[in-house]
Amino acid sequence: MKSLVVGMGIGNLYKAVLEEIGNQVVTVDLNPDKADYTSVDMAISVHGRFDTVHICTPNFTHDGLARLVAPVAGIVFIEKPGVISSNAWAQLVKDYPATRF
């Protein structure tokens, strides 16, 4: 399986677990010393589709990042709190029916 981890603060924990179970892990962080890529767009352009995406960034970025990766992800995991409201969750699920959140 191929996984994308976005945000290499708490994302380092996700990366370690994913690698331990044998996943190929691609990382994104604004700090180029912490990750493979500094933008999600670049990671997507190089790697295409991901089996799982793990969003581990500040809360206010969750919805936008989820929408960015949903078209290329089987499952998107969002570090809590996920998005701003239950209505936002419902809209995310409605907008991307082929992706599990």
PDB file of N, CA and C in Angstrom:
ATOM      1  N   MET A   1       0.840  -1.182   0.000  1.00  0.00           N
ATOM      2  CA  MET A   1       0.000   0.000   0.000  1.00  0.00           C
ATOM      3  C   MET A   1       0.881   1.240   0.000  1.00  0.00           C
ATOM      4  N   LYS A   2       0.353   2.289  -0.608  1.00  0.00           N
ATOM      5  CA  LYS A   2       1.072   3.566  -0.647  1.00  0.00           C
ATOM      6  C   LYS A   2       0.280   4.600   0.149  1.00  0.00           C
ATOM      7  N   SER A   3       0.952   5.243   1.091  1.00  0.00           N
ATOM      8  CA  SER A   3       0.307   6.224   1.963  1.00  0.00           C
ATOM      9  C   SER A   3       0.997   7.571   1.860  1.00  0.00           C
ATOM     10  N   LEU A   4       0.197   8.617   1.985  1.00  0.00           N
ATOM     11  CA  LEU A   4       0.692   9.985   2.034  1.00  0.00           C
ATOM     12  C   LEU A   4       0.434  10.523   3.429  1.00  0.00           C
ATOM     13  N   VAL A   5       1.461  11.072   4.053  1.00  0.00           N
ATOM     14  CA  VAL A   5       1.309  11.719   5.359  1.00  0.00           C
ATOM     15  C   VAL A   5       1.625  13.195   5.166  1.00  0.00           C
ATOM     16  N   VAL A   6       0.670  14.048   5.537  1.00  0.00           N
ATOM     17  CA  VAL A   6       0.815  15.486   5.371  1.00  0.00           C
ATOM     18  C   VAL A   6       0.932  16.121   6.757  1.00  0.00           C
ATOM     19  N   GLY A   7       2.080  16.763   7.014  1.00  0.00           N
ATOM     20  CA  GLY A   7       2.336  17.395   8.310  1.00  0.00           C
ATOM     21  C   GLY A   7       3.213  16.500   9.161  1.00  0.00           C
ATOM     22  N   MET A   8       4.477  16.833   9.231  1.00  0.00           N
ATOM     23  CA  MET A   8       5.438  15.942   9.874  1.00  0.00           C
ATOM     24  C   MET A   8       5.782  16.340  11.298  1.00  0.00           C
ATOM     25  N   GLY A   9       4.780  16.808  12.015  1.00  0.00           N
ATOM     26  CA  GLY A   9       4.872  16.929  13.464  1.00  0.00           C
ATOM     27  C   GLY A   9       4.348  15.603  13.992  1.00  0.00           C
ATOM     28  N   ILE A  10       3.061  15.566  14.309  1.00  0.00           N
ATOM     29  CA  ILE A  10       2.408  14.322  14.729  1.00  0.00           C
ATOM     30  C   ILE A  10       2.447  13.286  13.600  1.00  0.00           C
ATOM     31  N   GLY A  11       2.602  13.749  12.376  1.00  0.00           N
ATOM     32  CA  GLY A  11       2.686  12.850  11.230  1.00  0.00           C
ATOM     33  C   GLY A  11       3.839  11.865  11.303  1.00  0.00           C
ATOM     34  N   ASN A  12       4.882  12.195  12.058  1.00  0.00           N
ATOM     35  CA  ASN A  12       5.992  11.264  12.232  1.00  0.00           C
ATOM     36  C   ASN A  12       5.544   9.973  12.905  1.00  0.00           C
ATOM     37  N   LEU A  13       4.582  10.074  13.816  1.00  0.00           N
ATOM     38  CA  LEU A  13       4.041   8.870  14.455  1.00  0.00           C
ATOM     39  C   LEU A  13       3.301   8.013  13.432  1.00  0.00           C
ATOM     40  N   TYR A  14       2.511   8.652  12.597  1.00  0.00           N
ATOM     41  CA  TYR A  14       1.784   7.941  11.544  1.00  0.00           C
ATOM     42  C   TYR A  14       2.775   7.268  10.595  1.00  0.00           C
ATOM     43  N   LYS A  15       3.794   7.996  10.199  1.00  0.00           N
ATOM     44  CA  LYS A  15       4.805   7.471   9.276  1.00  0.00           C
ATOM     45  C   LYS A  15       5.455   6.214   9.844  1.00  0.00           C
ATOM     46  N   ALA A  16       5.840   6.264  11.102  1.00  0.00           N
ATOM     47  CA  ALA A  16       6.503   5.118  11.735  1.00  0.00           C
ATOM     48  C   ALA A  16       5.598   3.889  11.744  1.00  0.00           C
ATOM     49  N   VAL A  17       4.351   4.068  12.096  1.00  0.00           N
ATOM     50  CA  VAL A  17       3.409   2.947  12.146  1.00  0.00           C
ATOM     51  C   VAL A  17       3.157   2.400  10.737  1.00  0.00           C
ATOM     52  N   LEU A  18       2.947   3.287   9.787  1.00  0.00           N
ATOM     53  CA  LEU A  18       2.693   2.849   8.411  1.00  0.00           C
ATOM     54  C   LEU A  18       3.878   2.089   7.833  1.00  0.00           C
ATOM     55  N   GLU A  19       5.079   2.567   8.085  1.00  0.00           N
ATOM     56  CA  GLU A  19       6.267   1.859   7.609  1.00  0.00           C
ATOM     57  C   GLU A  19       6.417   0.508   8.305  1.00  0.00           C
ATOM     58  N   GLU A  20       6.083   0.464   9.576  1.00  0.00           N
ATOM     59  CA  GLU A  20       6.187  -0.783  10.341  1.00  0.00           C
ATOM     60  C   GLU A  20       5.280  -1.871   9.761  1.00  0.00           C
ATOM     61  N   ILE A  21       4.132  -1.481   9.233  1.00  0.00           N
ATOM     62  CA  ILE A  21       3.220  -2.475   8.652  1.00  0.00           C
ATOM     63  C   ILE A  21       3.475  -2.688   7.159  1.00  0.00           C
ATOM     64  N   GLY A  22       4.527  -2.062   6.652  1.00  0.00           N
ATOM     65  CA  GLY A  22       4.952  -2.340   5.293  1.00  0.00           C
ATOM     66  C   GLY A  22       4.468  -1.397   4.209  1.00  0.00           C
ATOM     67  N   ASN A  23       3.859  -0.292   4.581  1.00  0.00           N
ATOM     68  CA  ASN A  23       3.409   0.672   3.579  1.00  0.00           C
ATOM     69  C   ASN A  23       4.579   1.472   3.016  1.00  0.00           C
ATOM     70  N   GLN A  24       4.457   1.835   1.743  1.00  0.00           N
ATOM     71  CA  GLN A  24       5.349   2.847   1.168  1.00  0.00           C
ATOM     72  C   GLN A  24       4.791   4.181   1.641  1.00  0.00           C
ATOM     73  N   VAL A  25       5.616   5.014   2.249  1.00  0.00           N
ATOM     74  CA  VAL A  25       5.133   6.278   2.810  1.00  0.00           C
ATOM     75  C   VAL A  25       5.802   7.453   2.109  1.00  0.00           C
ATOM     76  N   VAL A  26       4.963   8.374   1.635  1.00  0.00           N
ATOM     77  CA  VAL A  26       5.395   9.633   1.032  1.00  0.00           C
ATOM     78  C   VAL A  26       4.997  10.721   2.019  1.00  0.00           C
ATOM     79  N   THR A  27       5.895  11.683   2.269  1.00  0.00           N
ATOM     80  CA  THR A  27       5.619  12.716   3.269  1.00  0.00           C
ATOM     81  C   THR A  27       5.634  14.116   2.667  1.00  0.00           C
ATOM     82  N   VAL A  28       4.817  14.982   3.293  1.00  0.00           N
ATOM     83  CA  VAL A  28       4.741  16.392   2.896  1.00  0.00           C
ATOM     84  C   VAL A  28       4.799  17.253   4.148  1.00  0.00           C
ATOM     85  N   ASP A  29       5.619  18.288   4.089  1.00  0.00           N
ATOM     86  CA  ASP A  29       5.680  19.285   5.155  1.00  0.00           C
ATOM     87  C   ASP A  29       6.222  20.567   4.540  1.00  0.00           C
ATOM     88  N   LEU A  30       5.842  21.697   5.072  1.00  0.00           N
ATOM     89  CA  LEU A  30       6.356  22.966   4.563  1.00  0.00           C
ATOM     90  C   LEU A  30       7.862  23.082   4.746  1.00  0.00           C
ATOM     91  N   ASN A  31       8.399  22.398   5.747  1.00  0.00           N
ATOM     92  CA  ASN A  31       9.834  22.403   6.003  1.00  0.00           C
ATOM     93  C   ASN A  31      10.490  21.311   5.152  1.00  0.00           C
ATOM     94  N   PRO A  32      11.307  21.672   4.177  1.00  0.00           N
ATOM     95  CA  PRO A  32      11.896  20.669   3.288  1.00  0.00           C
ATOM     96  C   PRO A  32      12.841  19.694   3.992  1.00  0.00           C
ATOM     97  N   ASP A  33      13.306  20.041   5.184  1.00  0.00           N
ATOM     98  CA  ASP A  33      14.178  19.139   5.935  1.00  0.00           C
ATOM     99  C   ASP A  33      13.404  18.006   6.619  1.00  0.00           C
ATOM    100  N   LYS A  34      12.073  18.138   6.681  1.00  0.00           N
ATOM    101  CA  LYS A  34      11.259  17.165   7.403  1.00  0.00           C
ATOM    102  C   LYS A  34      10.542  16.163   6.515  1.00  0.00           C
ATOM    103  N   ALA A  35      10.504  16.399   5.192  1.00  0.00           N
ATOM    104  CA  ALA A  35       9.636  15.572   4.355  1.00  0.00           C
ATOM    105  C   ALA A  35      10.191  15.398   2.946  1.00  0.00           C
ATOM    106  N   ASP A  36       9.536  14.521   2.206  1.00  0.00           N
ATOM    107  CA  ASP A  36       9.904  14.272   0.813  1.00  0.00           C
ATOM    108  C   ASP A  36       9.531  15.442  -0.090  1.00  0.00           C
ATOM    109  N   TYR A  37       8.407  16.091   0.229  1.00  0.00           N
ATOM    110  CA  TYR A  37       7.886  17.183  -0.599  1.00  0.00           C
ATOM    111  C   TYR A  37       7.416  18.327   0.294  1.00  0.00           C
ATOM    112  N   THR A  38       7.388  19.527  -0.270  1.00  0.00           N
ATOM    113  CA  THR A  38       6.884  20.681   0.475  1.00  0.00           C
ATOM    114  C   THR A  38       5.476  21.059   0.051  1.00  0.00           C
ATOM    115  N   SER A  39       4.889  20.336  -0.890  1.00  0.00           N
ATOM    116  CA  SER A  39       3.498  20.600  -1.261  1.00  0.00           C
ATOM    117  C   SER A  39       2.786  19.303  -1.608  1.00  0.00           C
ATOM    118  N   VAL A  40       1.519  19.263  -1.282  1.00  0.00           N
ATOM    119  CA  VAL A  40       0.684  18.110  -1.609  1.00  0.00           C
ATOM    120  C   VAL A  40       0.566  17.978  -3.121  1.00  0.00           C
ATOM    121  N   ASP A  41       0.427  19.095  -3.807  1.00  0.00           N
ATOM    122  CA  ASP A  41       0.330  19.064  -5.268  1.00  0.00           C
ATOM    123  C   ASP A  41       1.522  18.356  -5.898  1.00  0.00           C
ATOM    124  N   MET A  42       2.712  18.628  -5.417  1.00  0.00           N
ATOM    125  CA  MET A  42       3.916  17.996  -5.961  1.00  0.00           C
ATOM    126  C   MET A  42       3.904  16.493  -5.683  1.00  0.00           C
ATOM    127  N   ALA A  43       3.552  16.106  -4.474  1.00  0.00           N
ATOM    128  CA  ALA A  43       3.492  14.672  -4.139  1.00  0.00           C
ATOM    129  C   ALA A  43       2.490  13.949  -5.035  1.00  0.00           C
ATOM    130  N   ILE A  44       1.350  14.578  -5.277  1.00  0.00           N
ATOM    131  CA  ILE A  44       0.339  13.977  -6.151  1.00  0.00           C
ATOM    132  C   ILE A  44       0.852  13.892  -7.578  1.00  0.00           C
ATOM    133  N   SER A  45       1.493  14.941  -8.057  1.00  0.00           N
ATOM    134  CA  SER A  45       1.963  14.931  -9.439  1.00  0.00           C
ATOM    135  C   SER A  45       3.019  13.853  -9.668  1.00  0.00           C
ATOM    136  N   VAL A  46       3.822  13.570  -8.667  1.00  0.00           N
ATOM    137  CA  VAL A  46       4.866  12.545  -8.808  1.00  0.00           C
ATOM    138  C   VAL A  46       4.318  11.138  -8.576  1.00  0.00           C
ATOM    139  N   HIS A  47       3.453  10.986  -7.582  1.00  0.00           N
ATOM    140  CA  HIS A  47       3.024   9.646  -7.166  1.00  0.00           C
ATOM    141  C   HIS A  47       1.618   9.254  -7.615  1.00  0.00           C
ATOM    142  N   GLY A  48       0.809  10.204  -8.042  1.00  0.00           N
ATOM    143  CA  GLY A  48      -0.541   9.857  -8.487  1.00  0.00           C
ATOM    144  C   GLY A  48      -1.458   9.499  -7.338  1.00  0.00           C
ATOM    145  N   ARG A  49      -1.946   8.297  -7.343  1.00  0.00           N
ATOM    146  CA  ARG A  49      -2.954   7.848  -6.385  1.00  0.00           C
ATOM    147  C   ARG A  49      -2.315   7.264  -5.125  1.00  0.00           C
ATOM    148  N   PHE A  50      -3.029   7.426  -3.989  1.00  0.00           N
ATOM    149  CA  PHE A  50      -2.604   6.870  -2.715  1.00  0.00           C
ATOM    150  C   PHE A  50      -3.720   5.998  -2.150  1.00  0.00           C
ATOM    151  N   ASP A  51      -3.337   4.911  -1.504  1.00  0.00           N
ATOM    152  CA  ASP A  51      -4.341   4.076  -0.841  1.00  0.00           C
ATOM    153  C   ASP A  51      -4.910   4.798   0.373  1.00  0.00           C
ATOM    154  N   THR A  52      -4.024   5.427   1.140  1.00  0.00           N
ATOM    155  CA  THR A  52      -4.462   6.208   2.304  1.00  0.00           C
ATOM    156  C   THR A  52      -3.722   7.543   2.336  1.00  0.00           C
ATOM    157  N   VAL A  53      -4.423   8.541   2.845  1.00  0.00           N
ATOM    158  CA  VAL A  53      -3.816   9.850   3.094  1.00  0.00           C
ATOM    159  C   VAL A  53      -4.112  10.196   4.549  1.00  0.00           C
ATOM    160  N   HIS A  54      -3.105  10.696   5.237  1.00  0.00           N
ATOM    161  CA  HIS A  54      -3.223  11.035   6.653  1.00  0.00           C
ATOM    162  C   HIS A  54      -2.912  12.521   6.802  1.00  0.00           C
ATOM    163  N   ILE A  55      -3.930  13.296   7.164  1.00  0.00           N
ATOM    164  CA  ILE A  55      -3.782  14.741   7.298  1.00  0.00           C
ATOM    165  C   ILE A  55      -3.500  15.059   8.761  1.00  0.00           C
ATOM    166  N   CYS A  56      -2.300  15.544   9.024  1.00  0.00           N
ATOM    167  CA  CYS A  56      -1.816  15.796  10.388  1.00  0.00           C
ATOM    168  C   CYS A  56      -1.317  17.234  10.496  1.00  0.00           C
ATOM    169  N   THR A  57      -2.115  18.152  10.052  1.00  0.00           N
ATOM    170  CA  THR A  57      -1.759  19.567   9.982  1.00  0.00           C
ATOM    171  C   THR A  57      -2.661  20.368  10.916  1.00  0.00           C
ATOM    172  N   PRO A  58      -2.434  21.667  11.049  1.00  0.00           N
ATOM    173  CA  PRO A  58      -3.332  22.483  11.885  1.00  0.00           C
ATOM    174  C   PRO A  58      -4.795  22.364  11.427  1.00  0.00           C
ATOM    175  N   ASN A  59      -5.686  22.434  12.390  1.00  0.00           N
ATOM    176  CA  ASN A  59      -7.114  22.199  12.152  1.00  0.00           C
ATOM    177  C   ASN A  59      -7.700  23.016  11.002  1.00  0.00           C
ATOM    178  N   PHE A  60      -7.318  24.273  10.884  1.00  0.00           N
ATOM    179  CA  PHE A  60      -7.933  25.125   9.872  1.00  0.00           C
ATOM    180  C   PHE A  60      -7.583  24.690   8.454  1.00  0.00           C
ATOM    181  N   THR A  61      -6.603  23.802   8.285  1.00  0.00           N
ATOM    182  CA  THR A  61      -6.213  23.332   6.953  1.00  0.00           C
ATOM    183  C   THR A  61      -6.897  22.030   6.558  1.00  0.00           C
ATOM    184  N   HIS A  62      -7.576  21.372   7.477  1.00  0.00           N
ATOM    185  CA  HIS A  62      -8.108  20.039   7.238  1.00  0.00           C
ATOM    186  C   HIS A  62      -9.072  19.949   6.059  1.00  0.00           C
ATOM    187  N   ASP A  63     -10.059  20.805   6.015  1.00  0.00           N
ATOM    188  CA  ASP A  63     -11.071  20.722   4.952  1.00  0.00           C
ATOM    189  C   ASP A  63     -10.434  20.923   3.577  1.00  0.00           C
ATOM    190  N   GLY A  64      -9.636  21.946   3.427  1.00  0.00           N
ATOM    191  CA  GLY A  64      -9.005  22.217   2.138  1.00  0.00           C
ATOM    192  C   GLY A  64      -8.101  21.085   1.684  1.00  0.00           C
ATOM    193  N   LEU A  65      -7.313  20.540   2.604  1.00  0.00           N
ATOM    194  CA  LEU A  65      -6.437  19.425   2.251  1.00  0.00           C
ATOM    195  C   LEU A  65      -7.239  18.172   1.921  1.00  0.00           C
ATOM    196  N   ALA A  66      -8.292  17.915   2.677  1.00  0.00           N
ATOM    197  CA  ALA A  66      -9.136  16.746   2.396  1.00  0.00           C
ATOM    198  C   ALA A  66      -9.719  16.838   0.986  1.00  0.00           C
ATOM    199  N   ARG A  67     -10.154  18.007   0.597  1.00  0.00           N
ATOM    200  CA  ARG A  67     -10.699  18.200  -0.747  1.00  0.00           C
ATOM    201  C   ARG A  67      -9.622  18.068  -1.825  1.00  0.00           C
ATOM    202  N   LEU A  68      -8.413  18.468  -1.515  1.00  0.00           N
ATOM    203  CA  LEU A  68      -7.306  18.361  -2.458  1.00  0.00           C
ATOM    204  C   LEU A  68      -6.918  16.904  -2.711  1.00  0.00           C
ATOM    205  N   VAL A  69      -6.895  16.097  -1.659  1.00  0.00           N
ATOM    206  CA  VAL A  69      -6.444  14.715  -1.806  1.00  0.00           C
ATOM    207  C   VAL A  69      -7.560  13.721  -2.109  1.00  0.00           C
ATOM    208  N   ALA A  70      -8.795  14.071  -1.840  1.00  0.00           N
ATOM    209  CA  ALA A  70      -9.905  13.130  -2.024  1.00  0.00           C
ATOM    210  C   ALA A  70      -9.948  12.492  -3.415  1.00  0.00           C
ATOM    211  N   PRO A  71      -9.720  13.237  -4.493  1.00  0.00           N
ATOM    212  CA  PRO A  71      -9.786  12.603  -5.811  1.00  0.00           C
ATOM    213  C   PRO A  71      -8.700  11.556  -6.073  1.00  0.00           C
ATOM    214  N   VAL A  72      -7.647  11.545  -5.267  1.00  0.00           N
ATOM    215  CA  VAL A  72      -6.538  10.611  -5.508  1.00  0.00           C
ATOM    216  C   VAL A  72      -6.309   9.675  -4.325  1.00  0.00           C
ATOM    217  N   ALA A  73      -7.294   9.539  -3.441  1.00  0.00           N
ATOM    218  CA  ALA A  73      -7.136   8.724  -2.240  1.00  0.00           C
ATOM    219  C   ALA A  73      -8.294   7.755  -2.075  1.00  0.00           C
ATOM    220  N   GLY A  74      -7.961   6.541  -1.640  1.00  0.00           N
ATOM    221  CA  GLY A  74      -9.010   5.584  -1.300  1.00  0.00           C
ATOM    222  C   GLY A  74      -9.645   5.934   0.033  1.00  0.00           C
ATOM    223  N   ILE A  75      -8.800   6.244   1.012  1.00  0.00           N
ATOM    224  CA  ILE A  75      -9.265   6.607   2.351  1.00  0.00           C
ATOM    225  C   ILE A  75      -8.477   7.824   2.818  1.00  0.00           C
ATOM    226  N   VAL A  76      -9.175   8.795   3.399  1.00  0.00           N
ATOM    227  CA  VAL A  76      -8.528   9.977   3.970  1.00  0.00           C
ATOM    228  C   VAL A  76      -8.781   9.982   5.476  1.00  0.00           C
ATOM    229  N   PHE A  77      -7.697   9.943   6.234  1.00  0.00           N
ATOM    230  CA  PHE A  77      -7.772  10.048   7.684  1.00  0.00           C
ATOM    231  C   PHE A  77      -7.410  11.484   8.054  1.00  0.00           C
ATOM    232  N   ILE A  78      -8.235  12.096   8.917  1.00  0.00           N
ATOM    233  CA  ILE A  78      -7.996  13.482   9.312  1.00  0.00           C
ATOM    234  C   ILE A  78      -7.813  13.518  10.821  1.00  0.00           C
ATOM    235  N   GLU A  79      -6.665  14.008  11.240  1.00  0.00           N
ATOM    236  CA  GLU A  79      -6.371  14.137  12.661  1.00  0.00           C
ATOM    237  C   GLU A  79      -7.446  15.006  13.308  1.00  0.00           C
ATOM    238  N   LYS A  80      -7.872  14.654  14.513  1.00  0.00           N
ATOM    239  CA  LYS A  80      -8.955  15.385  15.163  1.00  0.00           C
ATOM    240  C   LYS A  80      -8.533  16.779  15.609  1.00  0.00           C
ATOM    241  N   PRO A  81      -9.419  17.711  15.739  1.00  0.00           N
ATOM    242  CA  PRO A  81     -10.791  17.593  15.247  1.00  0.00           C
ATOM    243  C   PRO A  81     -10.799  17.695  13.727  1.00  0.00           C
ATOM    244  N   GLY A  82     -11.561  16.858  13.105  1.00  0.00           N
ATOM    245  CA  GLY A  82     -11.571  16.752  11.655  1.00  0.00           C
ATOM    246  C   GLY A  82     -11.834  18.044  10.922  1.00  0.00           C
ATOM    247  N   VAL A  83     -13.080  18.309  10.644  1.00  0.00           N
ATOM    248  CA  VAL A  83     -13.466  19.556   9.987  1.00  0.00           C
ATOM    249  C   VAL A  83     -14.393  20.310  10.924  1.00  0.00           C
ATOM    250  N   ILE A  84     -14.786  21.493  10.535  1.00  0.00           N
ATOM    251  CA  ILE A  84     -15.407  22.450  11.458  1.00  0.00           C
ATOM    252  C   ILE A  84     -16.764  22.026  12.036  1.00  0.00           C
ATOM    253  N   SER A  85     -17.532  21.222  11.301  1.00  0.00           N
ATOM    254  CA  SER A  85     -18.867  20.859  11.788  1.00  0.00           C
ATOM    255  C   SER A  85     -19.343  19.563  11.146  1.00  0.00           C
ATOM    256  N   SER A  86     -20.437  19.036  11.683  1.00  0.00           N
ATOM    257  CA  SER A  86     -21.012  17.826  11.089  1.00  0.00           C
ATOM    258  C   SER A  86     -21.540  18.120   9.685  1.00  0.00           C
ATOM    259  N   ASN A  87     -21.994  19.348   9.451  1.00  0.00           N
ATOM    260  CA  ASN A  87     -22.441  19.722   8.100  1.00  0.00           C
ATOM    261  C   ASN A  87     -21.263  19.715   7.118  1.00  0.00           C
ATOM    262  N   ALA A  88     -20.104  20.172   7.571  1.00  0.00           N
ATOM    263  CA  ALA A  88     -18.918  20.154   6.712  1.00  0.00           C
ATOM    264  C   ALA A  88     -18.509  18.718   6.392  1.00  0.00           C
ATOM    265  N   TRP A  89     -18.601  17.812   7.385  1.00  0.00           N
ATOM    266  CA  TRP A  89     -18.317  16.391   7.132  1.00  0.00           C
ATOM    267  C   TRP A  89     -19.282  15.839   6.099  1.00  0.00           C
ATOM    268  N   ALA A  90     -20.561  16.116   6.292  1.00  0.00           N
ATOM    269  CA  ALA A  90     -21.582  15.603   5.368  1.00  0.00           C
ATOM    270  C   ALA A  90     -21.331  16.112   3.949  1.00  0.00           C
ATOM    271  N   GLN A  91     -20.946  17.365   3.819  1.00  0.00           N
ATOM    272  CA  GLN A  91     -20.688  17.929   2.500  1.00  0.00           C
ATOM    273  C   GLN A  91     -19.452  17.295   1.869  1.00  0.00           C
ATOM    274  N   LEU A  92     -18.436  17.050   2.652  1.00  0.00           N
ATOM    275  CA  LEU A  92     -17.211  16.404   2.163  1.00  0.00           C
ATOM    276  C   LEU A  92     -17.535  15.010   1.621  1.00  0.00           C
ATOM    277  N   VAL A  93     -18.305  14.255   2.372  1.00  0.00           N
ATOM    278  CA  VAL A  93     -18.692  12.903   1.957  1.00  0.00           C
ATOM    279  C   VAL A  93     -19.562  12.958   0.701  1.00  0.00           C
ATOM    280  N   LYS A  94     -20.455  13.913   0.647  1.00  0.00           N
ATOM    281  CA  LYS A  94     -21.321  14.067  -0.526  1.00  0.00           C
ATOM    282  C   LYS A  94     -20.521  14.465  -1.764  1.00  0.00           C
ATOM    283  N   ASP A  95     -19.564  15.362  -1.607  1.00  0.00           N
ATOM    284  CA  ASP A  95     -18.773  15.854  -2.737  1.00  0.00           C
ATOM    285  C   ASP A  95     -17.813  14.806  -3.301  1.00  0.00           C
ATOM    286  N   TYR A  96     -17.397  13.849  -2.461  1.00  0.00           N
ATOM    287  CA  TYR A  96     -16.417  12.837  -2.885  1.00  0.00           C
ATOM    288  C   TYR A  96     -16.915  11.437  -2.512  1.00  0.00           C
ATOM    289  N   PRO A  97     -17.950  10.952  -3.172  1.00  0.00           N
ATOM    290  CA  PRO A  97     -18.553   9.671  -2.796  1.00  0.00           C
ATOM    291  C   PRO A  97     -17.638   8.461  -2.998  1.00  0.00           C
ATOM    292  N   ALA A  98     -16.608   8.574  -3.822  1.00  0.00           N
ATOM    293  CA  ALA A  98     -15.710   7.442  -4.059  1.00  0.00           C
ATOM    294  C   ALA A  98     -14.597   7.338  -3.007  1.00  0.00           C
ATOM    295  N   THR A  99     -14.517   8.321  -2.114  1.00  0.00           N
ATOM    296  CA  THR A  99     -13.456   8.355  -1.096  1.00  0.00           C
ATOM    297  C   THR A  99     -14.067   8.117   0.279  1.00  0.00           C
ATOM    298  N   ARG A 100     -13.419   7.297   1.075  1.00  0.00           N
ATOM    299  CA  ARG A 100     -13.866   7.096   2.460  1.00  0.00           C
ATOM    300  C   ARG A 100     -13.119   8.079   3.347  1.00  0.00           C
ATOM    301  N   PHE A 101     -13.853   8.683   4.276  1.00  0.00           N
ATOM    302  CA  PHE A 101     -13.258   9.632   5.239  1.00  0.00           C
ATOM    303  C   PHE A 101     -13.407   9.082   6.637  1.00  0.00           C
TER     304      PHE A 101
END
